[in-house]
Each structure stands twice: as C-alpha cells, then as structure tokens.
C-alpha atoms as a PDB file:
ATOM      1  CA  UNK A   1      28.471 208.682 116.266  1.00  0.00           C
ATOM      2  CA  UNK A   2      31.788 207.750 117.952  1.00  0.00           C
ATOM      3  CA  UNK A   3      29.921 205.512 120.387  1.00  0.00           C
ATOM      4  CA  UNK A   4      28.241 203.755 117.483  1.00  0.00           C
ATOM      5  CA  UNK A   5      31.538 202.787 115.848  1.00  0.00           C
ATOM      6  CA  UNK A   6      32.967 201.484 119.110  1.00  0.00           C
ATOM      7  CA  UNK A   7      30.215 198.858 119.358  1.00  0.00           C
ATOM      8  CA  UNK A   8      29.871 197.501 115.832  1.00  0.00           C
ATOM      9  CA  UNK A   9      31.522 194.302 114.634  1.00  0.00           C
ATOM     10  CA  UNK A  10      33.012 193.251 111.306  1.00  0.00           C
ATOM     11  CA  UNK A  11      31.975 190.533 108.868  1.00  0.00           C
ATOM     12  CA  UNK A  12      34.427 188.652 106.650  1.00  0.00           C
ATOM     13  CA  UNK A  13      32.476 188.316 103.398  1.00  0.00           C
ATOM     14  CA  UNK A  14      33.362 185.810 100.685  1.00  0.00           C
ATOM     15  CA  UNK A  15      30.209 185.167  98.697  1.00  0.00           C
ATOM     16  CA  UNK A  16      28.000 186.528  95.929  1.00  0.00           C
ATOM     17  CA  UNK A  17      25.848 189.618  96.302  1.00  0.00           C
ATOM     18  CA  UNK A  18      22.888 190.428  94.063  1.00  0.00           C
ATOM     19  CA  UNK A  19      22.940 193.635  92.030  1.00  0.00           C
ATOM     20  CA  UNK A  20      19.643 194.753  90.448  1.00  0.00           C
ATOM     21  CA  UNK A  21      19.902 197.431  87.739  1.00  0.00           C
ATOM     22  CA  UNK A  22      17.948 198.873  84.845  1.00  0.00           C
ATOM     23  CA  UNK A  23      18.626 196.872  81.676  1.00  0.00           C
ATOM     24  CA  UNK A  24      21.033 199.317  80.066  1.00  0.00           C
ATOM     25  CA  UNK A  25      21.724 197.203  76.969  1.00  0.00           C
ATOM     26  CA  UNK A  26      18.233 195.871  76.134  1.00  0.00           C
ATOM     27  CA  UNK A  27      17.801 198.024  73.034  1.00  0.00           C
ATOM     28  CA  UNK A  28      16.281 195.213  70.992  1.00  0.00           C
ATOM     29  CA  UNK A  29      15.258 191.588  71.259  1.00  0.00           C
ATOM     30  CA  UNK A  30      17.723 189.534  69.181  1.00  0.00           C
ATOM     31  CA  UNK A  31      15.377 186.534  69.069  1.00  0.00           C
ATOM     32  CA  UNK A  32      12.087 188.112  67.968  1.00  0.00           C
ATOM     33  CA  UNK A  33      12.697 187.116  64.354  1.00  0.00           C
ATOM     34  CA  UNK A  34      12.911 183.429  65.366  1.00  0.00           C
ATOM     35  CA  UNK A  35       9.644 183.166  67.291  1.00  0.00           C
ATOM     36  CA  UNK A  36       6.630 185.213  68.360  1.00  0.00           C
ATOM     37  CA  UNK A  37       6.408 183.356  71.673  1.00  0.00           C
ATOM     38  CA  UNK A  38       7.747 185.476  74.578  1.00  0.00           C
ATOM     39  CA  UNK A  39       8.525 182.379  76.661  1.00  0.00           C
ATOM     40  CA  UNK A  40      10.722 181.076  73.849  1.00  0.00           C
ATOM     41  CA  UNK A  41      12.512 184.448  73.764  1.00  0.00           C
ATOM     42  CA  UNK A  42      13.301 184.062  77.466  1.00  0.00           C
ATOM     43  CA  UNK A  43      14.548 180.497  76.954  1.00  0.00           C
ATOM     44  CA  UNK A  44      16.772 181.616  74.074  1.00  0.00           C
ATOM     45  CA  UNK A  45      18.259 184.406  76.194  1.00  0.00           C
ATOM     46  CA  UNK A  46      18.975 181.944  78.996  1.00  0.00           C
ATOM     47  CA  UNK A  47      20.678 179.495  76.632  1.00  0.00           C
ATOM     48  CA  UNK A  48      22.722 182.300  75.094  1.00  0.00           C
ATOM     49  CA  UNK A  49      23.775 183.532  78.552  1.00  0.00           C
ATOM     50  CA  UNK A  50      24.643 180.044  79.832  1.00  0.00           C
ATOM     51  CA  UNK A  51      26.771 179.128  76.808  1.00  0.00           C
ATOM     52  CA  UNK A  52      28.599 182.443  76.529  1.00  0.00           C
ATOM     53  CA  UNK A  53      32.334 182.137  77.365  1.00  0.00           C
ATOM     54  CA  UNK A  54      33.166 183.252  80.883  1.00  0.00           C
ATOM     55  CA  UNK A  55      34.743 186.728  80.953  1.00  0.00           C
ATOM     56  CA  UNK A  56      37.926 187.627  82.779  1.00  0.00           C
ATOM     57  CA  UNK A  57      40.420 184.795  82.560  1.00  0.00           C
ATOM     58  CA  UNK A  58      42.877 186.840  84.613  1.00  0.00           C
ATOM     59  CA  UNK A  59      42.841 186.861  88.401  1.00  0.00           C
ATOM     60  CA  UNK A  60      42.217 190.606  88.783  1.00  0.00           C
ATOM     61  CA  UNK A  61      39.945 191.851  85.975  1.00  0.00           C
ATOM     62  CA  UNK A  62      39.484 195.234  87.645  1.00  0.00           C
ATOM     63  CA  UNK A  63      43.205 195.870  86.947  1.00  0.00           C
ATOM     64  CA  UNK A  64      43.846 194.060  83.672  1.00  0.00           C
ATOM     65  CA  UNK A  65      40.589 194.224  81.696  1.00  0.00           C
ATOM     66  CA  UNK A  66      38.307 196.898  83.185  1.00  0.00           C
ATOM     67  CA  UNK A  67      36.574 197.932  79.961  1.00  0.00           C
ATOM     68  CA  UNK A  68      36.452 194.708  78.008  1.00  0.00           C
ATOM     69  CA  UNK A  69      33.013 193.452  78.948  1.00  0.00           C
ATOM     70  CA  UNK A  70      29.775 195.405  79.375  1.00  0.00           C
ATOM     71  CA  UNK A  71      28.848 193.202  82.329  1.00  0.00           C
ATOM     72  CA  UNK A  72      31.712 194.714  84.320  1.00  0.00           C
ATOM     73  CA  UNK A  73      30.663 198.256  83.497  1.00  0.00           C
ATOM     74  CA  UNK A  74      26.979 197.700  84.213  1.00  0.00           C
ATOM     75  CA  UNK A  75      27.178 195.417  87.237  1.00  0.00           C
ATOM     76  CA  UNK A  76      30.144 196.970  89.093  1.00  0.00           C
ATOM     77  CA  UNK A  77      31.672 200.105  87.619  1.00  0.00           C
ATOM     78  CA  UNK A  78      28.595 202.263  86.989  1.00  0.00           C
ATOM     79  CA  UNK A  79      27.864 203.750  90.466  1.00  0.00           C
ATOM     80  CA  UNK A  80      31.506 204.660  91.036  1.00  0.00           C
ATOM     81  CA  UNK A  81      31.663 206.692  87.806  1.00  0.00           C
ATOM     82  CA  UNK A  82      28.103 208.060  87.955  1.00  0.00           C
ATOM     83  CA  UNK A  83      27.876 209.251  91.541  1.00  0.00           C
ATOM     84  CA  UNK A  84      24.459 209.860  93.028  1.00  0.00           C
ATOM     85  CA  UNK A  85      23.098 210.692  96.441  1.00  0.00           C
ATOM     86  CA  UNK A  86      21.878 207.587  98.260  1.00  0.00           C
ATOM     87  CA  UNK A  87      21.448 206.211 101.775  1.00  0.00           C
ATOM     88  CA  UNK A  88      25.170 206.252 102.577  1.00  0.00           C
ATOM     89  CA  UNK A  89      26.426 208.995 100.244  1.00  0.00           C
ATOM     90  CA  UNK A  90      25.570 212.647  99.723  1.00  0.00           C
ATOM     91  CA  UNK A  91      26.625 212.245  96.095  1.00  0.00           C
ATOM     92  CA  UNK A  92      30.256 213.277  96.556  1.00  0.00           C
ATOM     93  CA  UNK A  93      31.458 209.663  96.245  1.00  0.00           C
ATOM     94  CA  UNK A  94      30.087 206.507  94.688  1.00  0.00           C
ATOM     95  CA  UNK A  95      28.497 203.609  96.543  1.00  0.00           C
ATOM     96  CA  UNK A  96      27.628 200.201  95.078  1.00  0.00           C
ATOM     97  CA  UNK A  97      24.586 198.527  96.631  1.00  0.00           C
ATOM     98  CA  UNK A  98      23.858 194.807  96.655  1.00  0.00           C
ATOM     99  CA  UNK A  99      21.519 192.488  98.543  1.00  0.00           C
ATOM    100  CA  UNK A 100      21.627 189.012 100.011  1.00  0.00           C
ATOM    101  CA  UNK A 101      18.560 187.641  98.189  1.00  0.00           C
ATOM    102  CA  UNK A 102      16.266 188.337  95.276  1.00  0.00           C
ATOM    103  CA  UNK A 103      13.274 189.468  97.350  1.00  0.00           C
ATOM    104  CA  UNK A 104      15.355 192.091  99.140  1.00  0.00           C
ATOM    105  CA  UNK A 105      16.817 193.333  95.878  1.00  0.00           C
ATOM    106  CA  UNK A 106      13.389 193.568  94.244  1.00  0.00           C
ATOM    107  CA  UNK A 107      11.724 195.436  97.110  1.00  0.00           C
ATOM    108  CA  UNK A 108      14.604 197.905  97.404  1.00  0.00           C
ATOM    109  CA  UNK A 109      14.789 198.613  93.674  1.00  0.00           C
ATOM    110  CA  UNK A 110      10.995 198.771  93.248  1.00  0.00           C
ATOM    111  CA  UNK A 111      10.770 201.363  96.004  1.00  0.00           C
ATOM    112  CA  UNK A 112      13.392 203.615  94.422  1.00  0.00           C
ATOM    113  CA  UNK A 113      11.843 203.167  90.973  1.00  0.00           C
ATOM    114  CA  UNK A 114       8.395 204.158  92.251  1.00  0.00           C
ATOM    115  CA  UNK A 115       9.240 206.887  94.762  1.00  0.00           C
ATOM    116  CA  UNK A 116      12.410 208.272  93.183  1.00  0.00           C
ATOM    117  CA  UNK A 117      11.409 208.179  89.525  1.00  0.00           C
ATOM    118  CA  UNK A 118       7.712 207.636  88.835  1.00  0.00           C
ATOM    119  CA  UNK A 119       6.371 209.856  91.606  1.00  0.00           C
ATOM    120  CA  UNK A 120       8.861 212.628  90.802  1.00  0.00           C
ATOM    121  CA  UNK A 121       7.815 212.478  87.140  1.00  0.00           C
ATOM    122  CA  UNK A 122       4.094 212.391  87.941  1.00  0.00           C
ATOM    123  CA  UNK A 123       3.641 208.868  86.548  1.00  0.00           C
ATOM    124  CA  UNK A 124       2.545 207.156  89.762  1.00  0.00           C
ATOM    125  CA  UNK A 125      -1.027 206.714  88.415  1.00  0.00           C
ATOM    126  CA  UNK A 126      -0.005 205.473  84.972  1.00  0.00           C
ATOM    127  CA  UNK A 127       0.636 201.953  83.701  1.00  0.00           C
ATOM    128  CA  UNK A 128       4.417 201.756  83.403  1.00  0.00           C
ATOM    129  CA  UNK A 129       6.811 198.875  82.710  1.00  0.00           C
ATOM    130  CA  UNK A 130      10.572 198.676  83.131  1.00  0.00           C
ATOM    131  CA  UNK A 131      13.057 195.873  82.416  1.00  0.00           C
ATOM    132  CA  UNK A 132      15.852 195.126  84.854  1.00  0.00           C
ATOM    133  CA  UNK A 133      18.817 192.749  85.018  1.00  0.00           C
ATOM    134  CA  UNK A 134      19.829 190.777  88.095  1.00  0.00           C
ATOM    135  CA  UNK A 135      23.561 190.064  88.475  1.00  0.00           C
ATOM    136  CA  UNK A 136      25.505 187.937  90.936  1.00  0.00           C
ATOM    137  CA  UNK A 137      28.765 189.661  91.899  1.00  0.00           C
ATOM    138  CA  UNK A 138      31.483 188.113  94.063  1.00  0.00           C
ATOM    139  CA  UNK A 139      32.497 190.122  97.138  1.00  0.00           C
ATOM    140  CA  UNK A 140      35.660 189.452  99.139  1.00  0.00           C
ATOM    141  CA  UNK A 141      36.106 191.978 101.936  1.00  0.00           C
ATOM    142  CA  UNK A 142      35.990 192.662 105.645  1.00  0.00           C
ATOM    143  CA  UNK A 143      32.930 194.885 106.030  1.00  0.00           C
ATOM    144  CA  UNK A 144      31.663 196.909 108.980  1.00  0.00           C
ATOM    145  CA  UNK A 145      28.542 195.147 110.299  1.00  0.00           C
ATOM    146  CA  UNK A 146      25.848 197.521 111.581  1.00  0.00           C
ATOM    147  CA  UNK A 147      23.084 194.961 112.110  1.00  0.00           C
ATOM    148  CA  UNK A 148      23.508 194.758 115.884  1.00  0.00           C
ATOM    149  CA  UNK A 149      23.344 198.571 116.190  1.00  0.00           C
ATOM    150  CA  UNK A 150      19.911 199.116 114.647  1.00  0.00           C
ATOM    151  CA  UNK A 151      17.994 198.793 117.945  1.00  0.00           C
ATOM    152  CA  UNK A 152      20.005 201.560 119.619  1.00  0.00           C
ATOM    153  CA  UNK A 153      20.379 203.669 116.468  1.00  0.00           C
ATOM    154  CA  UNK A 154      17.009 203.483 114.666  1.00  0.00           C
ATOM    155  CA  UNK A 155      18.016 206.212 112.196  1.00  0.00           C
ATOM    156  CA  UNK A 156      20.186 203.590 110.512  1.00  0.00           C
ATOM    157  CA  UNK A 157      16.907 202.303 109.060  1.00  0.00           C
ATOM    158  CA  UNK A 158      14.963 205.546 108.671  1.00  0.00           C
ATOM    159  CA  UNK A 159      12.760 205.222 105.592  1.00  0.00           C
ATOM    160  CA  UNK A 160      13.357 208.674 104.129  1.00  0.00           C
ATOM    161  CA  UNK A 161      15.823 210.732 106.199  1.00  0.00           C
ATOM    162  CA  UNK A 162      19.430 209.859 105.279  1.00  0.00           C
ATOM    163  CA  UNK A 163      21.160 212.522 107.392  1.00  0.00           C
ATOM    164  CA  UNK A 164      22.501 210.022 109.930  1.00  0.00           C
ATOM    165  CA  UNK A 165      23.560 207.416 107.371  1.00  0.00           C
ATOM    166  CA  UNK A 166      25.257 210.105 105.249  1.00  0.00           C
ATOM    167  CA  UNK A 167      27.526 210.892 108.207  1.00  0.00           C
ATOM    168  CA  UNK A 168      28.357 207.184 108.543  1.00  0.00           C
ATOM    169  CA  UNK A 169      29.152 206.834 104.846  1.00  0.00           C
ATOM    170  CA  UNK A 170      31.277 209.995 104.892  1.00  0.00           C
ATOM    171  CA  UNK A 171      33.451 208.664 107.713  1.00  0.00           C
ATOM    172  CA  UNK A 172      33.839 205.227 106.153  1.00  0.00           C
ATOM    173  CA  UNK A 173      34.812 206.816 102.841  1.00  0.00           C
ATOM    174  CA  UNK A 174      37.249 209.231 104.477  1.00  0.00           C
ATOM    175  CA  UNK A 175      38.983 206.453 106.424  1.00  0.00           C
ATOM    176  CA  UNK A 176      39.189 204.090 103.463  1.00  0.00           C
ATOM    177  CA  UNK A 177      37.028 201.175 104.644  1.00  0.00           C
ATOM    178  CA  UNK A 178      35.741 198.966 101.794  1.00  0.00           C
ATOM    179  CA  UNK A 179      32.109 199.054 102.902  1.00  0.00           C
ATOM    180  CA  UNK A 180      29.391 197.920 105.290  1.00  0.00           C
ATOM    181  CA  UNK A 181      26.328 195.752 105.669  1.00  0.00           C
ATOM    182  CA  UNK A 182      23.067 196.430 107.455  1.00  0.00           C
ATOM    183  CA  UNK A 183      19.454 195.323 107.505  1.00  0.00           C
ATOM    184  CA  UNK A 184      17.190 196.281 104.605  1.00  0.00           C
ATOM    185  CA  UNK A 185      14.690 199.056 105.212  1.00  0.00           C
ATOM    186  CA  UNK A 186      12.222 197.687 102.639  1.00  0.00           C
ATOM    187  CA  UNK A 187      12.444 193.940 103.371  1.00  0.00           C
ATOM    188  CA  UNK A 188      12.303 192.742 106.958  1.00  0.00           C
ATOM    189  CA  UNK A 189      15.192 190.407 107.670  1.00  0.00           C
ATOM    190  CA  UNK A 190      16.928 191.130 104.369  1.00  0.00           C
ATOM    191  CA  UNK A 191      20.516 192.381 104.269  1.00  0.00           C
ATOM    192  CA  UNK A 192      21.942 195.171 102.140  1.00  0.00           C
ATOM    193  CA  UNK A 193      25.606 195.775 101.370  1.00  0.00           C
ATOM    194  CA  UNK A 194      27.087 199.198 100.641  1.00  0.00           C
ATOM    195  CA  UNK A 195      30.491 198.900  98.938  1.00  0.00           C
ATOM    196  CA  UNK A 196      32.800 201.898  98.583  1.00  0.00           C
ATOM    197  CA  UNK A 197      35.810 200.141  97.042  1.00  0.00           C
ATOM    198  CA  UNK A 198      35.222 198.421  93.666  1.00  0.00           C
ATOM    199  CA  UNK A 199      38.388 196.345  94.091  1.00  0.00           C
ATOM    200  CA  UNK A 200      36.561 193.988  96.482  1.00  0.00           C
ATOM    201  CA  UNK A 201      33.991 193.112  93.775  1.00  0.00           C
ATOM    202  CA  UNK A 202      34.589 190.678  90.899  1.00  0.00           C
ATOM    203  CA  UNK A 203      33.147 188.094  88.533  1.00  0.00           C
ATOM    204  CA  UNK A 204      29.778 189.624  87.571  1.00  0.00           C
ATOM    205  CA  UNK A 205      27.349 187.062  86.129  1.00  0.00           C
ATOM    206  CA  UNK A 206      23.884 187.709  84.781  1.00  0.00           C
ATOM    207  CA  UNK A 207      21.304 185.738  86.758  1.00  0.00           C
ATOM    208  CA  UNK A 208      18.011 186.691  85.149  1.00  0.00           C
ATOM    209  CA  UNK A 209      15.937 189.356  83.456  1.00  0.00           C
ATOM    210  CA  UNK A 210      13.163 190.951  85.512  1.00  0.00           C
ATOM    211  CA  UNK A 211      10.178 193.015  84.459  1.00  0.00           C
ATOM    212  CA  UNK A 212       8.412 195.473  86.793  1.00  0.00           C
ATOM    213  CA  UNK A 213       4.916 196.657  85.846  1.00  0.00           C
ATOM    214  CA  UNK A 214       3.012 199.314  87.754  1.00  0.00           C
ATOM    215  CA  UNK A 215      -0.731 198.956  87.249  1.00  0.00           C
ATOM    216  CA  UNK A 216      -3.202 200.520  89.648  1.00  0.00           C
ATOM    217  CA  UNK A 217      -1.992 199.991  93.198  1.00  0.00           C
ATOM    218  CA  UNK A 218       0.342 197.090  92.463  1.00  0.00           C
ATOM    219  CA  UNK A 219       3.815 196.499  91.039  1.00  0.00           C
ATOM    220  CA  UNK A 220       3.992 193.064  89.432  1.00  0.00           C
ATOM    221  CA  UNK A 221       7.466 191.551  89.109  1.00  0.00           C
ATOM    222  CA  UNK A 222       8.021 188.833  86.510  1.00  0.00           C
ATOM    223  CA  UNK A 223      11.110 186.684  86.063  1.00  0.00           C
ATOM    224  CA  UNK A 224       9.458 184.645  83.304  1.00  0.00           C
ATOM    225  CA  UNK A 225       6.984 186.256  80.859  1.00  0.00           C
ATOM    226  CA  UNK A 226       3.434 185.885  82.120  1.00  0.00           C
ATOM    227  CA  UNK A 227       4.538 184.292  85.428  1.00  0.00           C
ATOM    228  CA  UNK A 228       4.514 186.793  88.336  1.00  0.00           C
ATOM    229  CA  UNK A 229       7.334 186.286  90.845  1.00  0.00           C
ATOM    230  CA  UNK A 230       6.190 188.960  93.308  1.00  0.00           C
ATOM    231  CA  UNK A 231       3.245 191.324  93.798  1.00  0.00           C
ATOM    232  CA  UNK A 232       4.081 194.543  95.660  1.00  0.00           C
ATOM    233  CA  UNK A 233       1.319 196.794  96.975  1.00  0.00           C
ATOM    234  CA  UNK A 234       2.453 200.398  96.610  1.00  0.00           C
ATOM    235  CA  UNK A 235       0.735 201.323  99.884  1.00  0.00           C
ATOM    236  CA  UNK A 236       3.795 199.794 101.563  1.00  0.00           C
ATOM    237  CA  UNK A 237       5.904 202.536  99.939  1.00  0.00           C
ATOM    238  CA  UNK A 238       3.659 205.397 101.054  1.00  0.00           C
ATOM    239  CA  UNK A 239       3.761 204.825 104.810  1.00  0.00           C
END
C-alpha cells in the first residue's frame, strides 16, 4: 500500500463531473394534464429546466445556502449524509461518485441497480423500469490520480472485491484528501471520480432524465421517450 502511494500522481480538476441518481423527486408528471404525448412531456420538462432561474447567486452555496434547493441535496449532499458501503468506503464515511461521460455513468449505475438491487430482491427475471436524473456538478480540487497504477495494482479495478480499495479510501479519508480518480470498472476507458469532501463540489445542474428498463436479458436506457440511447446486455454484469 505504501509503495502504491509513492508512485501515484495528482490531477488538478476544474471541470464538470456527471452524477447519475435515482429520480428522488419524480412523484408526479406536472405536464400530463396538458398533453397525452410523452415526447411533449419531455420537451416541456426541458423548457421548464432551461428557463428556471439559476440557483446559488453566492460564491459558496455549500456555506451560505446548503438547504435552499433540492438540486443541491440530491446531486451533492445525499451520499455524505446517507453513508453506504461502496468501492472506496466501508460505510463509515460518505463518498460521492461521478463520471467523466454519460456512457460511463450509465454503465456504472446500471450495474449497481441490477446487481445490488434487482438481484438481491429476486427481480432479475422481471420487467422493471426506473427513472434517473443526470446532473452536471462542478469540481475544483487536486485529486489523487490512480490511473497509472492499475497495471501494477489490478485490485484497484476488481469487479466485486473491494477490500483493497476500502483500505485506499480509509487512508485518504483519514488524511483529509478531497478525493481521487481512477478508471471505470464497467466502462473501458471511462473515468470515475470518488470525492470525500463536498466543499470541492458546486453548481449542480440537471442535464437530462433517463429511464432504465430491464426486459429479458437487456437493459434499455432512454434519454428521450421511445428513443433508446444505450442497450446493455446483462451478461456483461454476470462475468
């Protein structure tokens, strides 16, 4: 472990990361009384999102207005207050995960939805649909970059055993580093970011609504109703 940390580099990050979460606030469709056309519902939601006033006029919303907008709570605050075990945490501290592109975010979240929820509940052979929201979140931080270490430390990208990565996360948390980046396990070439300090995240903006549908051996991902964006064969999750 000590040898690993002596060979990694750092990355100075100043760009958006993508956060893909279950649609916590989609309790009803506010536009279904205006039209029966699902594509028109999507267009109305996009117009409403694009014309909504920008939240957080102050420079540091995490200090001055932390509870004023649901976007902040859903897109940033949630994993730090609702701690769960994950690749880089044993559950004793919160970690926020983001990705560099939509495909990486979708494959990562679809895997955890299928293996961590549907299979555990015995629903892996049912037809199941879930709605998700994709956010862009600004990140400004110097992060530990583990990408160059994956060849010598393959357990960084182990598909199911998180023992090694838990020890990495525990040290980073103990020493107060803001986070790290590494290659995605589910999407070759994709990059995932694990953030331990919410103060380096800001300006959450909703990008789109996604729908995942498990049917047979395939998860279909739609960004527009009736227009598949990705088709994921679940065999890729079982190997």
